[in-house]
Amino acid sequence: MHLSTHNWMRAEPVEATLRRGKQYGLQSIEISGEPDQYDPKEVRKILKELDMFCWGSVTLTLGDRNLAAKDEAQRAATVNYMKSVATMIHELEGRELTVVPATVGKVTPDGTPEEEWQWVTDGLKEVYELTESYGIQMALEPLNRFETYFLNRADQAVVLAKAVGPNCGVCLDAFHMNIEEDDFHESIRTAGDMLVDFHVADNNRMPPGMGQLNWTEIVATLKSIGYDGGMTLEFVTPVDRTPVTKWPNQIETNPVDISPEQLKFIEDHGSSLLSEEFYTEMVKRACQHMVPLL
C-alpha cells in the first residue's frame, strides 16, 4: 500500500498539491476528474521531477453528469465525460478510474430501480470497454445516503461491478462506510480481491487520526485481504465559523480561481475555500498518522 491524495478539496494548482504532498510522504495523486484543467505533459513532468506517479482519477459526478438519468442524451454525455477522464488517466500513465455512477447530492430517483440499474450498467459497460483497452482498472464507489440514493454499500458495489465486467472493481471510502456499513471490517472483506482503491478520511471527514476511526485496525484488515493499492486522502474539513474554532486561519482570504460548479461541489460537502496554511497542516497531520501504518 502507499499513500496518495485527491486534489479537489482545495482550489490550487496541481503542482502545489504535489510538492506539498511529496514533502510529507505522499507517493502519488488520484487527480481530480476534470480533464480540461490539466496539460498531461506538464503534469507528467512534475510527477517525474518529484519521483511521484498518477495513481488514477475519480469522476466528479456533479451538475448534469448522471448515468442514472432518465434522459438518454444526459446519460450519453456522462459516458463521454467518464471516457475523457479515463483518457486523461491513460495519458498520465495512471492505473485506476474510480467512478461515482450518479450525481453527487441527488437523492431522488429518475426511474424505477430496474430502469436505473439498467441505465447505469449499460453506461458503465461503455466506459469499462475503454478502460480495459487502456489497461486501467475501473472501481465503483458507494457514497452515503445523504449524497446519493443509488449506491451506498460495499455489497451493492460488488454486485454492480460483477454486472459490468470481470475486471471491474470496487472503491471504498472510510467516511461513507462509517455511516452505511453494518460492519466496517466485514465490508472490506466483502470487497475482497475486487478492492481497487480506498479513500481515507476519519468519521468526521477530518484527516485520519482526528476522529474516532481506528486506522491501525483498518490497515490491518486491508492487509489481511491482500490489498496493495492506494490509500487516497480525501478529508473534507468542516468550517467552524464560531468563536470556539480551533482554526482561526481556516478560511482562504485571497481570491481563488475556481469555477462556480467546483465551489458548489466543495460547499455541498460541508467545506469551503481553505487557506494554504490550514490545508498544509491537515495534510501534514494525515501523513504523520498514516505513513507509519503502511
C-alpha atoms as a PDB file:
ATOM      1  CA  MET A   1       0.000   0.000   0.000  1.00  0.00           C
ATOM      2  CA  HIS A   2       1.029   3.580  -0.492  1.00  0.00           C
ATOM      3  CA  LEU A   3      -0.353   6.980   0.471  1.00  0.00           C
ATOM      4  CA  SER A   4      -1.985   9.033  -2.271  1.00  0.00           C
ATOM      5  CA  THR A   5      -4.223  12.116  -2.330  1.00  0.00           C
ATOM      6  CA  HIS A   6      -7.116  13.697  -4.141  1.00  0.00           C
ATOM      7  CA  ASN A   7      -6.720  17.348  -5.092  1.00  0.00           C
ATOM      8  CA  TRP A   8     -10.297  18.626  -5.418  1.00  0.00           C
ATOM      9  CA  MET A   9     -10.638  19.581  -1.724  1.00  0.00           C
ATOM     10  CA  ARG A  10      -8.631  22.811  -2.068  1.00  0.00           C
ATOM     11  CA  ALA A  11      -8.558  25.100  -5.089  1.00  0.00           C
ATOM     12  CA  GLU A  12      -4.872  25.346  -6.068  1.00  0.00           C
ATOM     13  CA  PRO A  13      -2.549  24.371  -8.932  1.00  0.00           C
ATOM     14  CA  VAL A  14      -1.881  20.638  -9.050  1.00  0.00           C
ATOM     15  CA  GLU A  15       1.839  21.383  -8.713  1.00  0.00           C
ATOM     16  CA  ALA A  16       1.201  22.915  -5.276  1.00  0.00           C
ATOM     17  CA  THR A  17      -0.671  19.780  -4.191  1.00  0.00           C
ATOM     18  CA  LEU A  18       2.123  17.515  -5.413  1.00  0.00           C
ATOM     19  CA  ARG A  19       5.002  19.481  -3.894  1.00  0.00           C
ATOM     20  CA  ARG A  20       3.281  19.680  -0.515  1.00  0.00           C
ATOM     21  CA  GLY A  21       2.427  16.008  -0.631  1.00  0.00           C
ATOM     22  CA  LYS A  22       5.966  14.971  -1.513  1.00  0.00           C
ATOM     23  CA  GLN A  23       7.250  16.924   1.479  1.00  0.00           C
ATOM     24  CA  TYR A  24       5.133  14.881   3.895  1.00  0.00           C
ATOM     25  CA  GLY A  25       5.406  11.427   2.342  1.00  0.00           C
ATOM     26  CA  LEU A  26       2.761  11.099  -0.373  1.00  0.00           C
ATOM     27  CA  GLN A  27       3.771   8.936  -3.313  1.00  0.00           C
ATOM     28  CA  SER A  28       1.006   9.588  -5.837  1.00  0.00           C
ATOM     29  CA  ILE A  29      -2.091  11.549  -6.766  1.00  0.00           C
ATOM     30  CA  GLU A  30      -5.627  10.485  -7.636  1.00  0.00           C
ATOM     31  CA  ILE A  31      -6.142  13.523  -9.793  1.00  0.00           C
ATOM     32  CA  SER A  32      -9.447  15.374  -9.948  1.00  0.00           C
ATOM     33  CA  GLY A  33     -11.689  14.196 -12.777  1.00  0.00           C
ATOM     34  CA  GLU A  34     -11.657  17.442 -14.743  1.00  0.00           C
ATOM     35  CA  PRO A  35      -9.513  16.694 -17.829  1.00  0.00           C
ATOM     36  CA  ASP A  36      -9.893  20.185 -19.293  1.00  0.00           C
ATOM     37  CA  GLN A  37      -7.981  21.635 -16.347  1.00  0.00           C
ATOM     38  CA  TYR A  38      -4.747  19.738 -16.945  1.00  0.00           C
ATOM     39  CA  ASP A  39      -1.978  19.521 -19.512  1.00  0.00           C
ATOM     40  CA  PRO A  40      -0.905  15.866 -19.231  1.00  0.00           C
ATOM     41  CA  LYS A  41       2.598  16.650 -20.491  1.00  0.00           C
ATOM     42  CA  GLU A  42       3.137  19.257 -17.769  1.00  0.00           C
ATOM     43  CA  VAL A  43       1.668  17.043 -15.034  1.00  0.00           C
ATOM     44  CA  ARG A  44       3.874  14.120 -16.103  1.00  0.00           C
ATOM     45  CA  LYS A  45       6.907  16.425 -15.980  1.00  0.00           C
ATOM     46  CA  ILE A  46       6.134  17.476 -12.385  1.00  0.00           C
ATOM     47  CA  LEU A  47       5.461  13.884 -11.326  1.00  0.00           C
ATOM     48  CA  LYS A  48       8.771  12.739 -12.791  1.00  0.00           C
ATOM     49  CA  GLU A  49      10.672  15.566 -11.128  1.00  0.00           C
ATOM     50  CA  LEU A  50       9.203  14.663  -7.735  1.00  0.00           C
ATOM     51  CA  ASP A  51       9.534  10.890  -8.266  1.00  0.00           C
ATOM     52  CA  MET A  52       5.774  10.527  -7.838  1.00  0.00           C
ATOM     53  CA  PHE A  53       3.122   8.938 -10.060  1.00  0.00           C
ATOM     54  CA  CYS A  54      -0.524   9.208 -11.028  1.00  0.00           C
ATOM     55  CA  TRP A  55      -2.468   6.565  -9.124  1.00  0.00           C
ATOM     56  CA  GLY A  56      -5.618   7.376 -11.086  1.00  0.00           C
ATOM     57  CA  SER A  57      -8.601   9.689 -11.003  1.00  0.00           C
ATOM     58  CA  VAL A  58     -12.112   9.924  -9.636  1.00  0.00           C
ATOM     59  CA  THR A  59     -15.124  11.180 -11.553  1.00  0.00           C
ATOM     60  CA  LEU A  60     -16.581  14.433 -10.253  1.00  0.00           C
ATOM     61  CA  THR A  61     -20.166  13.435 -10.938  1.00  0.00           C
ATOM     62  CA  LEU A  62     -21.755  16.836 -10.469  1.00  0.00           C
ATOM     63  CA  GLY A  63     -24.159  19.061 -12.383  1.00  0.00           C
ATOM     64  CA  ASP A  64     -25.790  17.106 -15.206  1.00  0.00           C
ATOM     65  CA  ARG A  65     -23.377  14.175 -15.002  1.00  0.00           C
ATOM     66  CA  ASN A  66     -25.527  11.170 -14.161  1.00  0.00           C
ATOM     67  CA  LEU A  67     -25.594   7.613 -15.520  1.00  0.00           C
ATOM     68  CA  ALA A  68     -28.933   7.088 -13.738  1.00  0.00           C
ATOM     69  CA  ALA A  69     -30.643   9.960 -15.561  1.00  0.00           C
ATOM     70  CA  LYS A  70     -33.934   9.351 -17.349  1.00  0.00           C
ATOM     71  CA  ASP A  71     -32.772  11.464 -20.272  1.00  0.00           C
ATOM     72  CA  GLU A  72     -30.815   9.368 -22.770  1.00  0.00           C
ATOM     73  CA  ALA A  73     -28.768  12.317 -24.034  1.00  0.00           C
ATOM     74  CA  GLN A  74     -27.749  13.177 -20.466  1.00  0.00           C
ATOM     75  CA  ARG A  75     -26.585   9.605 -19.905  1.00  0.00           C
ATOM     76  CA  ALA A  76     -24.636   9.639 -23.176  1.00  0.00           C
ATOM     77  CA  ALA A  77     -22.931  12.917 -22.238  1.00  0.00           C
ATOM     78  CA  THR A  78     -21.994  11.409 -18.875  1.00  0.00           C
ATOM     79  CA  VAL A  79     -20.445   8.371 -20.569  1.00  0.00           C
ATOM     80  CA  ASN A  80     -18.406  10.682 -22.787  1.00  0.00           C
ATOM     81  CA  TYR A  81     -17.268  12.655 -19.761  1.00  0.00           C
ATOM     82  CA  MET A  82     -16.170   9.486 -17.942  1.00  0.00           C
ATOM     83  CA  LYS A  83     -14.329   8.316 -21.049  1.00  0.00           C
ATOM     84  CA  SER A  84     -12.471  11.633 -21.123  1.00  0.00           C
ATOM     85  CA  VAL A  85     -11.363  11.040 -17.533  1.00  0.00           C
ATOM     86  CA  ALA A  86     -10.161   7.555 -18.498  1.00  0.00           C
ATOM     87  CA  THR A  87      -8.173   9.034 -21.380  1.00  0.00           C
ATOM     88  CA  MET A  88      -6.572  11.569 -19.035  1.00  0.00           C
ATOM     89  CA  ILE A  89      -5.510   8.735 -16.719  1.00  0.00           C
ATOM     90  CA  HIS A  90      -4.053   6.858 -19.673  1.00  0.00           C
ATOM     91  CA  GLU A  91      -2.087   9.940 -20.740  1.00  0.00           C
ATOM     92  CA  LEU A  92      -0.764  10.298 -17.175  1.00  0.00           C
ATOM     93  CA  GLU A  93       0.164   6.599 -17.044  1.00  0.00           C
ATOM     94  CA  GLY A  94      -2.299   6.046 -14.194  1.00  0.00           C
ATOM     95  CA  ARG A  95      -3.680   2.726 -13.023  1.00  0.00           C
ATOM     96  CA  GLU A  96      -7.301   3.113 -11.954  1.00  0.00           C
ATOM     97  CA  LEU A  97     -10.515   5.056 -12.528  1.00  0.00           C
ATOM     98  CA  THR A  98     -12.887   5.452  -9.601  1.00  0.00           C
ATOM     99  CA  VAL A  99     -16.456   6.065 -10.769  1.00  0.00           C
ATOM    100  CA  VAL A 100     -19.381   7.521  -8.854  1.00  0.00           C
ATOM    101  CA  PRO A 101     -22.266   6.499 -11.146  1.00  0.00           C
ATOM    102  CA  ALA A 102     -24.969   9.017 -10.154  1.00  0.00           C
ATOM    103  CA  THR A 103     -24.928  12.748  -9.463  1.00  0.00           C
ATOM    104  CA  VAL A 104     -23.460  13.578  -6.074  1.00  0.00           C
ATOM    105  CA  GLY A 105     -26.092  15.323  -3.986  1.00  0.00           C
ATOM    106  CA  LYS A 106     -29.047  13.950  -5.968  1.00  0.00           C
ATOM    107  CA  VAL A 107     -31.173  11.868  -3.598  1.00  0.00           C
ATOM    108  CA  THR A 108     -34.348  11.315  -5.638  1.00  0.00           C
ATOM    109  CA  PRO A 109     -34.533   8.775  -8.478  1.00  0.00           C
ATOM    110  CA  ASP A 110     -35.449   9.385 -12.114  1.00  0.00           C
ATOM    111  CA  GLY A 111     -36.908   5.941 -12.763  1.00  0.00           C
ATOM    112  CA  THR A 112     -37.729   2.583 -11.260  1.00  0.00           C
ATOM    113  CA  PRO A 113     -34.926   0.583  -9.598  1.00  0.00           C
ATOM    114  CA  GLU A 114     -34.896  -1.775 -12.577  1.00  0.00           C
ATOM    115  CA  GLU A 115     -34.704   1.052 -15.118  1.00  0.00           C
ATOM    116  CA  GLU A 116     -31.908   2.864 -13.315  1.00  0.00           C
ATOM    117  CA  TRP A 117     -29.888  -0.309 -12.763  1.00  0.00           C
ATOM    118  CA  GLN A 118     -30.036  -0.994 -16.493  1.00  0.00           C
ATOM    119  CA  TRP A 119     -29.161   2.592 -17.449  1.00  0.00           C
ATOM    120  CA  VAL A 120     -26.186   2.643 -15.102  1.00  0.00           C
ATOM    121  CA  THR A 121     -24.960  -0.825 -16.090  1.00  0.00           C
ATOM    122  CA  ASP A 122     -25.159  -0.004 -19.788  1.00  0.00           C
ATOM    123  CA  GLY A 123     -23.262   3.261 -19.317  1.00  0.00           C
ATOM    124  CA  LEU A 124     -20.582   1.697 -17.141  1.00  0.00           C
ATOM    125  CA  LYS A 125     -20.030  -1.083 -19.687  1.00  0.00           C
ATOM    126  CA  GLU A 126     -19.190   1.546 -22.317  1.00  0.00           C
ATOM    127  CA  VAL A 127     -16.659   3.198 -20.020  1.00  0.00           C
ATOM    128  CA  TYR A 128     -15.320  -0.207 -18.953  1.00  0.00           C
ATOM    129  CA  GLU A 129     -14.612  -1.171 -22.557  1.00  0.00           C
ATOM    130  CA  LEU A 130     -12.341   1.852 -22.882  1.00  0.00           C
ATOM    131  CA  THR A 131     -10.584   1.381 -19.531  1.00  0.00           C
ATOM    132  CA  GLU A 132      -9.893  -2.247 -20.418  1.00  0.00           C
ATOM    133  CA  SER A 133      -8.311  -1.176 -23.708  1.00  0.00           C
ATOM    134  CA  TYR A 134      -6.084   1.235 -21.748  1.00  0.00           C
ATOM    135  CA  GLY A 135      -5.134  -1.351 -19.128  1.00  0.00           C
ATOM    136  CA  ILE A 136      -6.799   0.753 -16.423  1.00  0.00           C
ATOM    137  CA  GLN A 137      -8.901  -0.861 -13.709  1.00  0.00           C
ATOM    138  CA  MET A 138     -12.309   0.683 -13.054  1.00  0.00           C
ATOM    139  CA  ALA A 139     -13.667   0.860  -9.497  1.00  0.00           C
ATOM    140  CA  LEU A 140     -17.210   1.737  -8.392  1.00  0.00           C
ATOM    141  CA  GLU A 141     -17.540   3.864  -5.263  1.00  0.00           C
ATOM    142  CA  PRO A 142     -20.537   3.810  -2.893  1.00  0.00           C
ATOM    143  CA  LEU A 143     -21.402   7.097  -1.158  1.00  0.00           C
ATOM    144  CA  ASN A 144     -23.550   7.711   1.888  1.00  0.00           C
ATOM    145  CA  ARG A 145     -27.325   8.136   1.646  1.00  0.00           C
ATOM    146  CA  PHE A 146     -27.141  11.924   2.004  1.00  0.00           C
ATOM    147  CA  GLU A 147     -25.059  12.189  -1.190  1.00  0.00           C
ATOM    148  CA  THR A 148     -26.733   9.553  -3.372  1.00  0.00           C
ATOM    149  CA  TYR A 149     -29.654   7.155  -3.282  1.00  0.00           C
ATOM    150  CA  PHE A 150     -28.141   4.832  -5.861  1.00  0.00           C
ATOM    151  CA  LEU A 151     -25.047   3.099  -4.436  1.00  0.00           C
ATOM    152  CA  ASN A 152     -24.349   3.171  -0.692  1.00  0.00           C
ATOM    153  CA  ARG A 153     -22.669  -0.078   0.445  1.00  0.00           C
ATOM    154  CA  ALA A 154     -19.853  -2.440  -0.469  1.00  0.00           C
ATOM    155  CA  ASP A 155     -22.161  -5.379  -1.221  1.00  0.00           C
ATOM    156  CA  GLN A 156     -24.131  -3.259  -3.700  1.00  0.00           C
ATOM    157  CA  ALA A 157     -20.927  -2.104  -5.403  1.00  0.00           C
ATOM    158  CA  VAL A 158     -19.694  -5.694  -5.713  1.00  0.00           C
ATOM    159  CA  VAL A 159     -22.901  -6.804  -7.456  1.00  0.00           C
ATOM    160  CA  LEU A 160     -22.840  -3.832  -9.828  1.00  0.00           C
ATOM    161  CA  ALA A 161     -19.159  -4.337 -10.629  1.00  0.00           C
ATOM    162  CA  LYS A 162     -19.775  -8.001 -11.488  1.00  0.00           C
ATOM    163  CA  ALA A 163     -22.600  -6.924 -13.804  1.00  0.00           C
ATOM    164  CA  VAL A 164     -20.220  -4.566 -15.624  1.00  0.00           C
ATOM    165  CA  GLY A 165     -17.305  -6.906 -16.293  1.00  0.00           C
ATOM    166  CA  PRO A 166     -14.840  -9.394 -14.786  1.00  0.00           C
ATOM    167  CA  ASN A 167     -12.112  -6.808 -14.143  1.00  0.00           C
ATOM    168  CA  CYS A 168     -14.401  -4.111 -12.755  1.00  0.00           C
ATOM    169  CA  GLY A 169     -13.674  -3.476  -9.086  1.00  0.00           C
ATOM    170  CA  VAL A 170     -14.783  -1.502  -6.065  1.00  0.00           C
ATOM    171  CA  CYS A 171     -13.556   1.602  -4.262  1.00  0.00           C
ATOM    172  CA  LEU A 172     -14.389   2.039  -0.584  1.00  0.00           C
ATOM    173  CA  ASP A 173     -14.333   5.287   1.373  1.00  0.00           C
ATOM    174  CA  ALA A 174     -13.947   5.179   5.159  1.00  0.00           C
ATOM    175  CA  PHE A 175     -16.163   8.222   5.745  1.00  0.00           C
ATOM    176  CA  HIS A 176     -19.084   6.760   3.798  1.00  0.00           C
ATOM    177  CA  MET A 177     -18.513   3.293   5.250  1.00  0.00           C
ATOM    178  CA  ASN A 178     -18.747   4.671   8.776  1.00  0.00           C
ATOM    179  CA  ILE A 179     -22.280   5.858   8.000  1.00  0.00           C
ATOM    180  CA  GLU A 180     -23.603   2.985   5.891  1.00  0.00           C
ATOM    181  CA  GLU A 181     -21.903  -0.305   6.733  1.00  0.00           C
ATOM    182  CA  ASP A 182     -23.151  -2.634   9.474  1.00  0.00           C
ATOM    183  CA  ASP A 183     -19.631  -3.970   9.982  1.00  0.00           C
ATOM    184  CA  PHE A 184     -16.785  -1.758   8.797  1.00  0.00           C
ATOM    185  CA  HIS A 185     -14.242  -4.561   8.511  1.00  0.00           C
ATOM    186  CA  GLU A 186     -16.629  -7.125   7.059  1.00  0.00           C
ATOM    187  CA  SER A 187     -17.422  -4.703   4.236  1.00  0.00           C
ATOM    188  CA  ILE A 188     -13.713  -4.637   3.358  1.00  0.00           C
ATOM    189  CA  ARG A 189     -13.702  -8.427   3.334  1.00  0.00           C
ATOM    190  CA  THR A 190     -16.855  -8.370   1.166  1.00  0.00           C
ATOM    191  CA  ALA A 191     -14.968  -6.344  -1.433  1.00  0.00           C
ATOM    192  CA  GLY A 192     -12.010  -8.705  -1.066  1.00  0.00           C
ATOM    193  CA  ASP A 193      -9.854  -9.021  -4.160  1.00  0.00           C
ATOM    194  CA  MET A 194     -12.221  -6.689  -6.020  1.00  0.00           C
ATOM    195  CA  LEU A 195     -10.988  -3.748  -3.931  1.00  0.00           C
ATOM    196  CA  VAL A 196      -9.099  -1.408  -6.257  1.00  0.00           C
ATOM    197  CA  ASP A 197      -8.984   1.868  -4.329  1.00  0.00           C
ATOM    198  CA  PHE A 198      -9.502   3.077  -0.746  1.00  0.00           C
ATOM    199  CA  HIS A 199     -10.338   6.663   0.242  1.00  0.00           C
ATOM    200  CA  VAL A 200      -9.121   7.984   3.566  1.00  0.00           C
ATOM    201  CA  ALA A 201     -10.951  10.347   5.916  1.00  0.00           C
ATOM    202  CA  ASP A 202     -11.994   9.971   9.531  1.00  0.00           C
ATOM    203  CA  ASN A 203     -15.576   9.568  10.768  1.00  0.00           C
ATOM    204  CA  ASN A 204     -15.952  13.373  10.929  1.00  0.00           C
ATOM    205  CA  ARG A 205     -14.294  13.703   7.491  1.00  0.00           C
ATOM    206  CA  MET A 206     -11.256  15.295   9.076  1.00  0.00           C
ATOM    207  CA  PRO A 207      -7.794  13.829   8.354  1.00  0.00           C
ATOM    208  CA  PRO A 208      -7.187  10.330   9.718  1.00  0.00           C
ATOM    209  CA  GLY A 209      -6.311  10.423  13.403  1.00  0.00           C
ATOM    210  CA  MET A 210      -8.513  13.443  14.057  1.00  0.00           C
ATOM    211  CA  GLY A 211     -11.677  11.401  14.583  1.00  0.00           C
ATOM    212  CA  GLN A 212     -12.765   8.105  16.112  1.00  0.00           C
ATOM    213  CA  LEU A 213     -11.777   5.519  13.490  1.00  0.00           C
ATOM    214  CA  ASN A 214      -9.076   3.004  14.398  1.00  0.00           C
ATOM    215  CA  TRP A 215      -6.699   3.236  11.464  1.00  0.00           C
ATOM    216  CA  THR A 216      -4.366   0.561  12.803  1.00  0.00           C
ATOM    217  CA  GLU A 217      -7.231  -1.942  12.638  1.00  0.00           C
ATOM    218  CA  ILE A 218      -8.433  -0.667   9.253  1.00  0.00           C
ATOM    219  CA  VAL A 219      -4.983  -1.044   7.698  1.00  0.00           C
ATOM    220  CA  ALA A 220      -4.628  -4.494   9.273  1.00  0.00           C
ATOM    221  CA  THR A 221      -7.913  -5.605   7.673  1.00  0.00           C
ATOM    222  CA  LEU A 222      -6.821  -4.232   4.307  1.00  0.00           C
ATOM    223  CA  LYS A 223      -3.540  -6.125   4.579  1.00  0.00           C
ATOM    224  CA  SER A 224      -5.425  -9.291   5.537  1.00  0.00           C
ATOM    225  CA  ILE A 225      -7.248  -9.318   2.177  1.00  0.00           C
ATOM    226  CA  GLY A 226      -4.039  -8.615   0.295  1.00  0.00           C
ATOM    227  CA  TYR A 227      -4.869  -5.042  -0.672  1.00  0.00           C
ATOM    228  CA  ASP A 228      -1.784  -3.284  -2.031  1.00  0.00           C
ATOM    229  CA  GLY A 229      -3.197  -0.212  -3.787  1.00  0.00           C
ATOM    230  CA  GLY A 230      -3.519   3.452  -2.884  1.00  0.00           C
ATOM    231  CA  MET A 231      -4.763   4.877   0.375  1.00  0.00           C
ATOM    232  CA  THR A 232      -6.048   8.158  -1.020  1.00  0.00           C
ATOM    233  CA  LEU A 233      -6.514  11.138   1.281  1.00  0.00           C
ATOM    234  CA  GLU A 234      -9.959  12.686   0.823  1.00  0.00           C
ATOM    235  CA  PHE A 235     -10.574  14.610   4.011  1.00  0.00           C
ATOM    236  CA  VAL A 236     -13.129  17.397   3.594  1.00  0.00           C
ATOM    237  CA  THR A 237     -12.810  19.596   6.646  1.00  0.00           C
ATOM    238  CA  PRO A 238     -15.933  21.275   8.013  1.00  0.00           C
ATOM    239  CA  VAL A 239     -15.642  25.007   8.524  1.00  0.00           C
ATOM    240  CA  ASP A 240     -16.013  26.381  12.039  1.00  0.00           C
ATOM    241  CA  ARG A 241     -17.246  29.984  11.935  1.00  0.00           C
ATOM    242  CA  THR A 242     -17.937  30.199  15.668  1.00  0.00           C
ATOM    243  CA  PRO A 243     -15.884  31.878  18.413  1.00  0.00           C
ATOM    244  CA  VAL A 244     -14.758  28.455  19.689  1.00  0.00           C
ATOM    245  CA  THR A 245     -12.981  27.488  16.449  1.00  0.00           C
ATOM    246  CA  LYS A 246      -9.605  25.800  16.827  1.00  0.00           C
ATOM    247  CA  TRP A 247      -8.581  27.086  13.397  1.00  0.00           C
ATOM    248  CA  PRO A 248      -8.881  30.878  13.108  1.00  0.00           C
ATOM    249  CA  ASN A 249      -6.781  30.724   9.918  1.00  0.00           C
ATOM    250  CA  GLN A 250      -9.026  28.165   8.217  1.00  0.00           C
ATOM    251  CA  ILE A 251     -10.711  30.305   5.551  1.00  0.00           C
ATOM    252  CA  GLU A 252      -8.968  31.483   2.393  1.00  0.00           C
ATOM    253  CA  THR A 253      -8.876  35.301   2.292  1.00  0.00           C
ATOM    254  CA  ASN A 254      -7.208  35.755  -1.113  1.00  0.00           C
ATOM    255  CA  PRO A 255      -9.082  35.457  -4.424  1.00  0.00           C
ATOM    256  CA  VAL A 256      -9.083  31.891  -5.764  1.00  0.00           C
ATOM    257  CA  ASP A 257      -9.594  30.809  -9.375  1.00  0.00           C
ATOM    258  CA  ILE A 258     -12.309  28.168  -9.209  1.00  0.00           C
ATOM    259  CA  SER A 259     -15.403  27.504 -11.264  1.00  0.00           C
ATOM    260  CA  PRO A 260     -18.842  28.065  -9.695  1.00  0.00           C
ATOM    261  CA  GLU A 261     -19.591  24.343 -10.148  1.00  0.00           C
ATOM    262  CA  GLN A 262     -16.467  23.256  -8.273  1.00  0.00           C
ATOM    263  CA  LEU A 263     -17.062  25.763  -5.494  1.00  0.00           C
ATOM    264  CA  LYS A 264     -20.610  24.478  -5.098  1.00  0.00           C
ATOM    265  CA  PHE A 265     -19.256  20.902  -5.018  1.00  0.00           C
ATOM    266  CA  ILE A 266     -16.890  21.803  -2.159  1.00  0.00           C
ATOM    267  CA  GLU A 267     -19.576  23.742  -0.260  1.00  0.00           C
ATOM    268  CA  ASP A 268     -22.103  20.937  -0.760  1.00  0.00           C
ATOM    269  CA  HIS A 269     -19.591  18.700   1.028  1.00  0.00           C
ATOM    270  CA  GLY A 270     -19.732  20.979   4.067  1.00  0.00           C
ATOM    271  CA  SER A 271     -16.412  22.706   3.446  1.00  0.00           C
ATOM    272  CA  SER A 272     -15.279  25.989   1.871  1.00  0.00           C
ATOM    273  CA  LEU A 273     -12.254  27.637   0.318  1.00  0.00           C
ATOM    274  CA  LEU A 274      -9.425  26.785   2.711  1.00  0.00           C
ATOM    275  CA  SER A 275      -6.225  28.698   3.416  1.00  0.00           C
ATOM    276  CA  GLU A 276      -2.896  27.200   2.390  1.00  0.00           C
ATOM    277  CA  GLU A 277      -1.629  27.341   5.982  1.00  0.00           C
ATOM    278  CA  PHE A 278      -4.589  25.369   7.315  1.00  0.00           C
ATOM    279  CA  TYR A 279      -4.660  22.851   4.484  1.00  0.00           C
ATOM    280  CA  THR A 280      -0.933  22.203   4.771  1.00  0.00           C
ATOM    281  CA  GLU A 281      -1.364  21.440   8.462  1.00  0.00           C
ATOM    282  CA  MET A 282      -4.132  18.967   7.644  1.00  0.00           C
ATOM    283  CA  VAL A 283      -2.001  17.182   5.040  1.00  0.00           C
ATOM    284  CA  LYS A 284       0.903  17.052   7.494  1.00  0.00           C
ATOM    285  CA  ARG A 285      -1.272  15.505  10.209  1.00  0.00           C
ATOM    286  CA  ALA A 286      -2.790  12.992   7.810  1.00  0.00           C
ATOM    287  CA  CYS A 287       0.596  11.827   6.584  1.00  0.00           C
ATOM    288  CA  GLN A 288       2.109  11.658  10.051  1.00  0.00           C
ATOM    289  CA  HIS A 289      -0.748   9.396  11.129  1.00  0.00           C
ATOM    290  CA  MET A 290      -0.908   7.130   8.065  1.00  0.00           C
ATOM    291  CA  VAL A 291       2.633   6.691   6.720  1.00  0.00           C
ATOM    292  CA  PRO A 292       3.891   4.656   9.713  1.00  0.00           C
ATOM    293  CA  LEU A 293       0.923   2.278   9.367  1.00  0.00           C
ATOM    294  CA  LEU A 294       1.597   1.386   5.750  1.00  0.00           C
END
